[in-house]
Amino acid sequence: GVAALPEWLLEEPLARGALQRVLPSYTLPRQEVYAVYPDTRHVSAKVRRFIDFLRARQAPGNRP
């Protein structure tokens, strides 16, 4: 089958030959990422760190 999957998920299977790229010059538009969580007063430290990580990755200077 054919699937559109994120690059980070494909690195290892592509490297070992379990998958191969089709249409390598075709790219999909960037997708937005949303973090949905309850009131920030009740967010655990782990969730807060993850949200901060997502924000840092999505910052304009960090986009490929």
C-alpha atoms as a PDB file:
ATOM      1  CA  GLY A   1       0.000   0.000   0.000  1.00  0.00           C
ATOM      2  CA  VAL A   2       0.872   3.664  -0.169  1.00  0.00           C
ATOM      3  CA  ALA A   3       0.760   6.006   2.812  1.00  0.00           C
ATOM      4  CA  ALA A   4       1.746   9.565   3.670  1.00  0.00           C
ATOM      5  CA  LEU A   5       3.668   9.321   6.933  1.00  0.00           C
ATOM      6  CA  PRO A   6       5.895  11.702   8.901  1.00  0.00           C
ATOM      7  CA  GLU A   7       9.629  11.655   8.180  1.00  0.00           C
ATOM      8  CA  TRP A   8      10.605  10.791  11.768  1.00  0.00           C
ATOM      9  CA  LEU A   9       8.502   7.637  11.599  1.00  0.00           C
ATOM     10  CA  LEU A  10      10.104   6.450   8.368  1.00  0.00           C
ATOM     11  CA  GLU A  11      13.813   6.959   9.020  1.00  0.00           C
ATOM     12  CA  GLU A  12      14.584   3.497  10.380  1.00  0.00           C
ATOM     13  CA  PRO A  13      12.343   1.408   8.044  1.00  0.00           C
ATOM     14  CA  LEU A  14      13.724   3.288   5.015  1.00  0.00           C
ATOM     15  CA  ALA A  15      17.323   2.783   6.207  1.00  0.00           C
ATOM     16  CA  ARG A  16      16.893  -0.978   6.551  1.00  0.00           C
ATOM     17  CA  GLY A  17      14.976  -1.295   3.272  1.00  0.00           C
ATOM     18  CA  ALA A  18      11.650  -2.366   4.781  1.00  0.00           C
ATOM     19  CA  LEU A  19       9.980   0.586   3.031  1.00  0.00           C
ATOM     20  CA  GLN A  20      10.763   2.535  -0.079  1.00  0.00           C
ATOM     21  CA  ARG A  21       9.741   5.981  -1.205  1.00  0.00           C
ATOM     22  CA  VAL A  22       7.339   6.434  -4.082  1.00  0.00           C
ATOM     23  CA  LEU A  23       6.982   9.872  -5.666  1.00  0.00           C
ATOM     24  CA  PRO A  24      10.059  11.226  -3.819  1.00  0.00           C
ATOM     25  CA  SER A  25       9.673  14.707  -5.337  1.00  0.00           C
ATOM     26  CA  TYR A  26       6.089  15.053  -4.066  1.00  0.00           C
ATOM     27  CA  THR A  27       5.625  16.796  -0.722  1.00  0.00           C
ATOM     28  CA  LEU A  28       2.521  17.424   1.322  1.00  0.00           C
ATOM     29  CA  PRO A  29       1.730  20.837   2.769  1.00  0.00           C
ATOM     30  CA  ARG A  30       2.842  21.456   6.366  1.00  0.00           C
ATOM     31  CA  GLN A  31       0.323  20.307   8.921  1.00  0.00           C
ATOM     32  CA  GLU A  32      -0.482  22.214  12.073  1.00  0.00           C
ATOM     33  CA  VAL A  33      -0.156  20.541  15.463  1.00  0.00           C
ATOM     34  CA  TYR A  34      -2.617  21.271  18.239  1.00  0.00           C
ATOM     35  CA  ALA A  35      -2.241  20.418  21.914  1.00  0.00           C
ATOM     36  CA  VAL A  36      -5.623  20.222  23.619  1.00  0.00           C
ATOM     37  CA  TYR A  37      -5.421  20.211  27.394  1.00  0.00           C
ATOM     38  CA  PRO A  38      -7.425  21.380  30.404  1.00  0.00           C
ATOM     39  CA  ASP A  39      -6.918  24.631  32.276  1.00  0.00           C
ATOM     40  CA  THR A  40      -3.188  25.341  32.624  1.00  0.00           C
ATOM     41  CA  ARG A  41      -3.408  25.395  36.416  1.00  0.00           C
ATOM     42  CA  HIS A  42      -3.967  21.629  36.330  1.00  0.00           C
ATOM     43  CA  VAL A  43      -1.408  20.576  33.731  1.00  0.00           C
ATOM     44  CA  SER A  44       1.268  18.210  35.014  1.00  0.00           C
ATOM     45  CA  ALA A  45       4.952  19.100  34.662  1.00  0.00           C
ATOM     46  CA  LYS A  46       5.378  16.390  31.997  1.00  0.00           C
ATOM     47  CA  VAL A  47       2.537  17.782  29.895  1.00  0.00           C
ATOM     48  CA  ARG A  48       3.833  21.344  30.333  1.00  0.00           C
ATOM     49  CA  ARG A  49       7.304  20.265  29.125  1.00  0.00           C
ATOM     50  CA  PHE A  50       5.783  18.519  26.117  1.00  0.00           C
ATOM     51  CA  ILE A  51       3.728  21.584  25.192  1.00  0.00           C
ATOM     52  CA  ASP A  52       6.840  23.754  25.537  1.00  0.00           C
ATOM     53  CA  PHE A  53       8.716  21.292  23.297  1.00  0.00           C
ATOM     54  CA  LEU A  54       5.987  21.484  20.635  1.00  0.00           C
ATOM     55  CA  ARG A  55       5.986  25.280  20.755  1.00  0.00           C
ATOM     56  CA  ALA A  56       9.763  25.386  20.347  1.00  0.00           C
ATOM     57  CA  ARG A  57       9.635  22.974  17.391  1.00  0.00           C
ATOM     58  CA  GLN A  58       6.932  25.027  15.681  1.00  0.00           C
ATOM     59  CA  ALA A  59       8.730  28.356  16.121  1.00  0.00           C
ATOM     60  CA  PRO A  60       9.406  30.011  12.729  1.00  0.00           C
ATOM     61  CA  GLY A  61      13.199  29.676  13.065  1.00  0.00           C
ATOM     62  CA  ASN A  62      12.947  25.923  13.735  1.00  0.00           C
ATOM     63  CA  ARG A  63      10.900  24.924  10.699  1.00  0.00           C
ATOM     64  CA  PRO A  64      12.610  23.039   7.890  1.00  0.00           C
END
